[in-house]
């Protein structure tokens, strides 16, 4: 797999930003999930062209950081 060009990488990030800015999120977990995946990619991704290996636990840890307030009953925090 070839490394995406700088232009392709910027285009991808712009699309993610557009989804976050313009997306109609009917469930907050979708927003938390996309933020978690983006954070993980930025934090642990390499420019070597290899796949980014992650586990469900990796995703879950970041996801919970974003989503836990949505899962707590109102008035409990």
PDB file of N, CA and C in Angstrom:
ATOM      1  N   UNK A   1       0.847  -1.177   0.000  1.00  0.00           N
ATOM      2  CA  UNK A   1       0.000   0.000   0.000  1.00  0.00           C
ATOM      3  C   UNK A   1       0.894   1.241   0.000  1.00  0.00           C
ATOM      4  N   UNK A   2       0.666   2.119  -0.931  1.00  0.00           N
ATOM      5  CA  UNK A   2       1.466   3.336  -1.060  1.00  0.00           C
ATOM      6  C   UNK A   2       1.051   4.368  -0.018  1.00  0.00           C
ATOM      7  N   UNK A   3       2.017   5.147   0.409  1.00  0.00           N
ATOM      8  CA  UNK A   3       1.739   6.222   1.360  1.00  0.00           C
ATOM      9  C   UNK A   3       0.953   7.306   0.632  1.00  0.00           C
ATOM     10  N   UNK A   4      -0.163   7.738   1.212  1.00  0.00           N
ATOM     11  CA  UNK A   4      -0.937   8.808   0.566  1.00  0.00           C
ATOM     12  C   UNK A   4      -0.123  10.095   0.498  1.00  0.00           C
ATOM     13  N   UNK A   5      -0.329  10.829  -0.559  1.00  0.00           N
ATOM     14  CA  UNK A   5       0.381  12.105  -0.709  1.00  0.00           C
ATOM     15  C   UNK A   5      -0.101  13.081   0.360  1.00  0.00           C
ATOM     16  N   UNK A   6       0.670  14.119   0.563  1.00  0.00           N
ATOM     17  CA  UNK A   6       0.290  15.148   1.537  1.00  0.00           C
ATOM     18  C   UNK A   6      -1.075  15.730   1.174  1.00  0.00           C
ATOM     19  N   UNK A   7      -1.302  15.909  -0.111  1.00  0.00           N
ATOM     20  CA  UNK A   7      -2.596  16.442  -0.575  1.00  0.00           C
ATOM     21  C   UNK A   7      -3.736  15.492  -0.218  1.00  0.00           C
ATOM     22  N   UNK A   8      -3.534  14.187  -0.428  1.00  0.00           N
ATOM     23  CA  UNK A   8      -4.563  13.203  -0.093  1.00  0.00           C
ATOM     24  C   UNK A   8      -4.821  13.160   1.410  1.00  0.00           C
ATOM     25  N   UNK A   9      -3.766  13.286   2.203  1.00  0.00           N
ATOM     26  CA  UNK A   9      -3.927  13.289   3.648  1.00  0.00           C
ATOM     27  C   UNK A   9      -4.723  14.501   4.112  1.00  0.00           C
ATOM     28  N   UNK A  10      -4.425  15.653   3.542  1.00  0.00           N
ATOM     29  CA  UNK A  10      -5.170  16.864   3.901  1.00  0.00           C
ATOM     30  C   UNK A  10      -6.633  16.766   3.472  1.00  0.00           C
ATOM     31  N   UNK A  11      -6.854  16.163   2.319  1.00  0.00           N
ATOM     32  CA  UNK A  11      -8.217  15.976   1.823  1.00  0.00           C
ATOM     33  C   UNK A  11      -9.006  15.067   2.778  1.00  0.00           C
ATOM     34  N   UNK A  12      -8.371  13.991   3.235  1.00  0.00           N
ATOM     35  CA  UNK A  12      -8.995  13.075   4.175  1.00  0.00           C
ATOM     36  C   UNK A  12      -9.357  13.792   5.477  1.00  0.00           C
ATOM     37  N   UNK A  13      -8.395  14.558   6.010  1.00  0.00           N
ATOM     38  CA  UNK A  13      -8.653  15.288   7.256  1.00  0.00           C
ATOM     39  C   UNK A  13      -9.744  16.343   7.074  1.00  0.00           C
ATOM     40  N   UNK A  14      -9.768  16.975   5.931  1.00  0.00           N
ATOM     41  CA  UNK A  14     -10.826  17.951   5.647  1.00  0.00           C
ATOM     42  C   UNK A  14     -12.192  17.273   5.604  1.00  0.00           C
ATOM     43  N   UNK A  15     -12.237  16.071   5.032  1.00  0.00           N
ATOM     44  CA  UNK A  15     -13.505  15.325   5.003  1.00  0.00           C
ATOM     45  C   UNK A  15     -13.954  14.930   6.397  1.00  0.00           C
ATOM     46  N   UNK A  16     -13.028  14.511   7.236  1.00  0.00           N
ATOM     47  CA  UNK A  16     -13.372  14.174   8.623  1.00  0.00           C
ATOM     48  C   UNK A  16     -13.900  15.419   9.331  1.00  0.00           C
ATOM     49  N   UNK A  17     -13.214  16.532   9.154  1.00  0.00           N
ATOM     50  CA  UNK A  17     -13.654  17.785   9.780  1.00  0.00           C
ATOM     51  C   UNK A  17     -15.045  18.162   9.288  1.00  0.00           C
ATOM     52  N   UNK A  18     -15.285  17.977   8.013  1.00  0.00           N
ATOM     53  CA  UNK A  18     -16.605  18.295   7.449  1.00  0.00           C
ATOM     54  C   UNK A  18     -17.687  17.415   8.070  1.00  0.00           C
ATOM     55  N   UNK A  19     -17.393  16.133   8.220  1.00  0.00           N
ATOM     56  CA  UNK A  19     -18.351  15.226   8.859  1.00  0.00           C
ATOM     57  C   UNK A  19     -18.662  15.697  10.278  1.00  0.00           C
ATOM     58  N   UNK A  20     -17.618  16.087  11.002  1.00  0.00           N
ATOM     59  CA  UNK A  20     -17.815  16.529  12.386  1.00  0.00           C
ATOM     60  C   UNK A  20     -18.567  17.855  12.452  1.00  0.00           C
ATOM     61  N   UNK A  21     -18.274  18.755  11.522  1.00  0.00           N
ATOM     62  CA  UNK A  21     -18.925  20.068  11.532  1.00  0.00           C
ATOM     63  C   UNK A  21     -20.364  20.024  11.025  1.00  0.00           C
ATOM     64  N   UNK A  22     -20.594  19.267   9.948  1.00  0.00           N
ATOM     65  CA  UNK A  22     -21.887  19.303   9.276  1.00  0.00           C
ATOM     66  C   UNK A  22     -22.758  18.087   9.560  1.00  0.00           C
ATOM     67  N   UNK A  23     -22.180  17.084  10.200  1.00  0.00           N
ATOM     68  CA  UNK A  23     -22.918  15.845  10.414  1.00  0.00           C
ATOM     69  C   UNK A  23     -24.111  16.021  11.316  1.00  0.00           C
ATOM     70  N   UNK A  24     -25.134  15.314  10.986  1.00  0.00           N
ATOM     71  CA  UNK A  24     -26.334  15.298  11.819  1.00  0.00           C
ATOM     72  C   UNK A  24     -26.253  14.040  12.680  1.00  0.00           C
ATOM     73  N   UNK A  25     -25.766  14.216  13.877  1.00  0.00           N
ATOM     74  CA  UNK A  25     -25.579  13.074  14.754  1.00  0.00           C
ATOM     75  C   UNK A  25     -26.844  12.851  15.575  1.00  0.00           C
ATOM     76  N   UNK A  26     -27.516  11.762  15.295  1.00  0.00           N
ATOM     77  CA  UNK A  26     -28.721  11.428  16.042  1.00  0.00           C
ATOM     78  C   UNK A  26     -28.372  10.628  17.286  1.00  0.00           C
ATOM     79  N   UNK A  27     -27.155  10.175  17.371  1.00  0.00           N
ATOM     80  CA  UNK A  27     -26.684   9.466  18.546  1.00  0.00           C
ATOM     81  C   UNK A  27     -25.259   9.924  18.839  1.00  0.00           C
ATOM     82  N   UNK A  28     -25.010  10.312  20.080  1.00  0.00           N
ATOM     83  CA  UNK A  28     -23.702  10.863  20.426  1.00  0.00           C
ATOM     84  C   UNK A  28     -22.597   9.830  20.360  1.00  0.00           C
ATOM     85  N   UNK A  29     -22.934   8.538  20.415  1.00  0.00           N
ATOM     86  CA  UNK A  29     -21.887   7.525  20.352  1.00  0.00           C
ATOM     87  C   UNK A  29     -21.175   7.543  18.998  1.00  0.00           C
ATOM     88  N   UNK A  30     -21.884   7.935  17.937  1.00  0.00           N
ATOM     89  CA  UNK A  30     -21.259   7.997  16.615  1.00  0.00           C
ATOM     90  C   UNK A  30     -20.178   9.072  16.604  1.00  0.00           C
ATOM     91  N   UNK A  31     -20.482  10.190  17.193  1.00  0.00           N
ATOM     92  CA  UNK A  31     -19.530  11.290  17.273  1.00  0.00           C
ATOM     93  C   UNK A  31     -18.328  10.872  18.117  1.00  0.00           C
ATOM     94  N   UNK A  32     -18.569  10.234  19.256  1.00  0.00           N
ATOM     95  CA  UNK A  32     -17.484   9.778  20.127  1.00  0.00           C
ATOM     96  C   UNK A  32     -16.614   8.748  19.416  1.00  0.00           C
ATOM     97  N   UNK A  33     -17.221   7.872  18.642  1.00  0.00           N
ATOM     98  CA  UNK A  33     -16.462   6.843  17.934  1.00  0.00           C
ATOM     99  C   UNK A  33     -15.553   7.450  16.869  1.00  0.00           C
ATOM    100  N   UNK A  34     -16.072   8.372  16.078  1.00  0.00           N
ATOM    101  CA  UNK A  34     -15.242   8.963  15.023  1.00  0.00           C
ATOM    102  C   UNK A  34     -14.107   9.792  15.629  1.00  0.00           C
ATOM    103  N   UNK A  35     -14.370  10.476  16.730  1.00  0.00           N
ATOM    104  CA  UNK A  35     -13.298  11.217  17.403  1.00  0.00           C
ATOM    105  C   UNK A  35     -12.244  10.260  17.955  1.00  0.00           C
ATOM    106  N   UNK A  36     -12.685   9.149  18.507  1.00  0.00           N
ATOM    107  CA  UNK A  36     -11.752   8.153  19.049  1.00  0.00           C
ATOM    108  C   UNK A  36     -10.842   7.592  17.967  1.00  0.00           C
ATOM    109  N   UNK A  37     -11.423   7.237  16.833  1.00  0.00           N
ATOM    110  CA  UNK A  37     -10.627   6.694  15.729  1.00  0.00           C
ATOM    111  C   UNK A  37      -9.646   7.728  15.180  1.00  0.00           C
ATOM    112  N   UNK A  38     -10.099   8.959  15.043  1.00  0.00           N
ATOM    113  CA  UNK A  38      -9.222  10.020  14.548  1.00  0.00           C
ATOM    114  C   UNK A  38      -8.077  10.284  15.520  1.00  0.00           C
ATOM    115  N   UNK A  39      -8.384  10.342  16.809  1.00  0.00           N
ATOM    116  CA  UNK A  39      -7.344  10.547  17.817  1.00  0.00           C
ATOM    117  C   UNK A  39      -6.306   9.432  17.777  1.00  0.00           C
ATOM    118  N   UNK A  40      -6.782   8.199  17.692  1.00  0.00           N
ATOM    119  CA  UNK A  40      -5.874   7.060  17.675  1.00  0.00           C
ATOM    120  C   UNK A  40      -4.961   7.110  16.448  1.00  0.00           C
ATOM    121  N   UNK A  41      -5.535   7.446  15.314  1.00  0.00           N
ATOM    122  CA  UNK A  41      -4.748   7.523  14.080  1.00  0.00           C
ATOM    123  C   UNK A  41      -3.671   8.595  14.172  1.00  0.00           C
ATOM    124  N   UNK A  42      -4.017   9.736  14.725  1.00  0.00           N
ATOM    125  CA  UNK A  42      -3.050  10.824  14.847  1.00  0.00           C
ATOM    126  C   UNK A  42      -1.968  10.464  15.866  1.00  0.00           C
ATOM    127  N   UNK A  43      -2.382   9.869  16.969  1.00  0.00           N
ATOM    128  CA  UNK A  43      -1.465   9.557  18.058  1.00  0.00           C
ATOM    129  C   UNK A  43      -0.492   8.422  17.717  1.00  0.00           C
ATOM    130  N   UNK A  44      -0.983   7.382  17.049  1.00  0.00           N
ATOM    131  CA  UNK A  44      -0.178   6.179  16.855  1.00  0.00           C
ATOM    132  C   UNK A  44       0.152   5.850  15.399  1.00  0.00           C
ATOM    133  N   UNK A  45      -0.383   6.592  14.470  1.00  0.00           N
ATOM    134  CA  UNK A  45      -0.122   6.307  13.064  1.00  0.00           C
ATOM    135  C   UNK A  45       1.296   6.655  12.649  1.00  0.00           C
ATOM    136  N   UNK A  46       1.833   5.884  11.731  1.00  0.00           N
ATOM    137  CA  UNK A  46       3.172   6.126  11.187  1.00  0.00           C
ATOM    138  C   UNK A  46       3.045   6.507   9.717  1.00  0.00           C
ATOM    139  N   UNK A  47       4.105   7.058   9.183  1.00  0.00           N
ATOM    140  CA  UNK A  47       4.135   7.400   7.764  1.00  0.00           C
ATOM    141  C   UNK A  47       4.845   6.336   6.946  1.00  0.00           C
ATOM    142  N   UNK A  48       4.934   5.129   7.476  1.00  0.00           N
ATOM    143  CA  UNK A  48       5.651   4.071   6.771  1.00  0.00           C
ATOM    144  C   UNK A  48       4.780   3.319   5.768  1.00  0.00           C
ATOM    145  N   UNK A  49       3.508   3.634   5.719  1.00  0.00           N
ATOM    146  CA  UNK A  49       2.612   2.996   4.768  1.00  0.00           C
ATOM    147  C   UNK A  49       1.999   1.704   5.256  1.00  0.00           C
ATOM    148  N   UNK A  50       2.428   1.244   6.419  1.00  0.00           N
ATOM    149  CA  UNK A  50       1.874   0.012   6.970  1.00  0.00           C
ATOM    150  C   UNK A  50       0.528   0.251   7.628  1.00  0.00           C
ATOM    151  N   UNK A  51      -0.217  -0.822   7.825  1.00  0.00           N
ATOM    152  CA  UNK A  51      -1.529  -0.673   8.464  1.00  0.00           C
ATOM    153  C   UNK A  51      -1.381  -0.282   9.934  1.00  0.00           C
ATOM    154  N   UNK A  52      -2.350   0.421  10.425  1.00  0.00           N
ATOM    155  CA  UNK A  52      -2.392   0.802  11.833  1.00  0.00           C
ATOM    156  C   UNK A  52      -3.149  -0.286  12.576  1.00  0.00           C
ATOM    157  N   UNK A  53      -2.472  -0.971  13.426  1.00  0.00           N
ATOM    158  CA  UNK A  53      -3.094  -2.067  14.166  1.00  0.00           C
ATOM    159  C   UNK A  53      -3.643  -1.526  15.481  1.00  0.00           C
ATOM    160  N   UNK A  54      -4.898  -1.821  15.732  1.00  0.00           N
ATOM    161  CA  UNK A  54      -5.503  -1.432  16.985  1.00  0.00           C
ATOM    162  C   UNK A  54      -6.512  -2.494  17.397  1.00  0.00           C
ATOM    163  N   UNK A  55      -6.762  -2.531  18.679  1.00  0.00           N
ATOM    164  CA  UNK A  55      -7.699  -3.504  19.223  1.00  0.00           C
ATOM    165  C   UNK A  55      -8.981  -2.789  19.631  1.00  0.00           C
ATOM    166  N   UNK A  56      -9.995  -3.567  19.904  1.00  0.00           N
ATOM    167  CA  UNK A  56     -11.236  -2.958  20.394  1.00  0.00           C
ATOM    168  C   UNK A  56     -10.998  -2.277  21.734  1.00  0.00           C
ATOM    169  N   UNK A  57     -10.064  -2.800  22.502  1.00  0.00           N
ATOM    170  CA  UNK A  57      -9.735  -2.160  23.788  1.00  0.00           C
ATOM    171  C   UNK A  57      -9.128  -0.772  23.553  1.00  0.00           C
ATOM    172  N   UNK A  58      -8.248  -0.665  22.552  1.00  0.00           N
ATOM    173  CA  UNK A  58      -7.655   0.634  22.219  1.00  0.00           C
ATOM    174  C   UNK A  58      -8.743   1.655  21.884  1.00  0.00           C
ATOM    175  N   UNK A  59      -9.680   1.234  21.062  1.00  0.00           N
ATOM    176  CA  UNK A  59     -10.780   2.121  20.674  1.00  0.00           C
ATOM    177  C   UNK A  59     -11.645   2.438  21.886  1.00  0.00           C
ATOM    178  N   UNK A  60     -11.957   1.424  22.668  1.00  0.00           N
ATOM    179  CA  UNK A  60     -12.861   1.582  23.812  1.00  0.00           C
ATOM    180  C   UNK A  60     -12.328   2.570  24.837  1.00  0.00           C
ATOM    181  N   UNK A  61     -11.036   2.531  25.102  1.00  0.00           N
ATOM    182  CA  UNK A  61     -10.481   3.435  26.111  1.00  0.00           C
ATOM    183  C   UNK A  61     -10.677   4.898  25.732  1.00  0.00           C
ATOM    184  N   UNK A  62     -10.395   5.236  24.498  1.00  0.00           N
ATOM    185  CA  UNK A  62     -10.584   6.619  24.046  1.00  0.00           C
ATOM    186  C   UNK A  62     -12.069   6.943  23.935  1.00  0.00           C
ATOM    187  N   UNK A  63     -12.852   6.002  23.428  1.00  0.00           N
ATOM    188  CA  UNK A  63     -14.290   6.185  23.270  1.00  0.00           C
ATOM    189  C   UNK A  63     -14.942   6.513  24.615  1.00  0.00           C
ATOM    190  N   UNK A  64     -14.575   5.775  25.639  1.00  0.00           N
ATOM    191  CA  UNK A  64     -15.160   5.990  26.969  1.00  0.00           C
ATOM    192  C   UNK A  64     -14.825   7.376  27.497  1.00  0.00           C
ATOM    193  N   UNK A  65     -13.600   7.844  27.225  1.00  0.00           N
ATOM    194  CA  UNK A  65     -13.224   9.188  27.663  1.00  0.00           C
ATOM    195  C   UNK A  65     -14.172  10.241  27.083  1.00  0.00           C
ATOM    196  N   UNK A  66     -14.556  10.060  25.817  1.00  0.00           N
ATOM    197  CA  UNK A  66     -15.471  11.009  25.174  1.00  0.00           C
ATOM    198  C   UNK A  66     -16.919  10.795  25.592  1.00  0.00           C
ATOM    199  N   UNK A  67     -17.333   9.553  25.735  1.00  0.00           N
ATOM    200  CA  UNK A  67     -18.753   9.235  25.822  1.00  0.00           C
ATOM    201  C   UNK A  67     -19.297   9.081  27.231  1.00  0.00           C
ATOM    202  N   UNK A  68     -18.472   8.914  28.235  1.00  0.00           N
ATOM    203  CA  UNK A  68     -18.973   8.561  29.554  1.00  0.00           C
ATOM    204  C   UNK A  68     -19.993   9.557  30.095  1.00  0.00           C
ATOM    205  N   UNK A  69     -19.843  10.822  29.815  1.00  0.00           N
ATOM    206  CA  UNK A  69     -20.809  11.822  30.325  1.00  0.00           C
ATOM    207  C   UNK A  69     -22.196  11.622  29.708  1.00  0.00           C
ATOM    208  N   UNK A  70     -22.248  11.091  28.485  1.00  0.00           N
ATOM    209  CA  UNK A  70     -23.522  10.863  27.822  1.00  0.00           C
ATOM    210  C   UNK A  70     -24.252   9.648  28.398  1.00  0.00           C
ATOM    211  N   UNK A  71     -23.481   8.752  29.007  1.00  0.00           N
ATOM    212  CA  UNK A  71     -24.047   7.521  29.530  1.00  0.00           C
ATOM    213  C   UNK A  71     -24.481   7.643  30.986  1.00  0.00           C
ATOM    214  N   UNK A  72     -24.066   8.684  31.654  1.00  0.00           N
ATOM    215  CA  UNK A  72     -24.401   8.881  33.068  1.00  0.00           C
ATOM    216  C   UNK A  72     -25.758   9.579  33.156  1.00  0.00           C
ATOM    217  N   UNK A  73     -26.646   9.108  34.037  1.00  0.00           N
ATOM    218  CA  UNK A  73     -27.936   9.794  34.194  1.00  0.00           C
ATOM    219  C   UNK A  73     -27.747  11.265  34.572  1.00  0.00           C
ATOM    220  N   UNK A  74     -28.607  12.122  34.084  1.00  0.00           N
ATOM    221  CA  UNK A  74     -28.540  13.549  34.360  1.00  0.00           C
ATOM    222  C   UNK A  74     -28.597  13.774  35.869  1.00  0.00           C
ATOM    223  N   UNK A  75     -27.745  14.658  36.359  1.00  0.00           N
ATOM    224  CA  UNK A  75     -27.697  14.970  37.777  1.00  0.00           C
ATOM    225  C   UNK A  75     -26.739  14.095  38.561  1.00  0.00           C
ATOM    226  N   UNK A  76     -26.173  13.078  37.925  1.00  0.00           N
ATOM    227  CA  UNK A  76     -25.247  12.178  38.624  1.00  0.00           C
ATOM    228  C   UNK A  76     -23.810  12.669  38.597  1.00  0.00           C
ATOM    229  N   UNK A  77     -23.510  13.635  37.737  1.00  0.00           N
ATOM    230  CA  UNK A  77     -22.148  14.131  37.663  1.00  0.00           C
ATOM    231  C   UNK A  77     -22.141  15.508  38.151  1.00  0.00           C
TER     232      UNK A  77
END
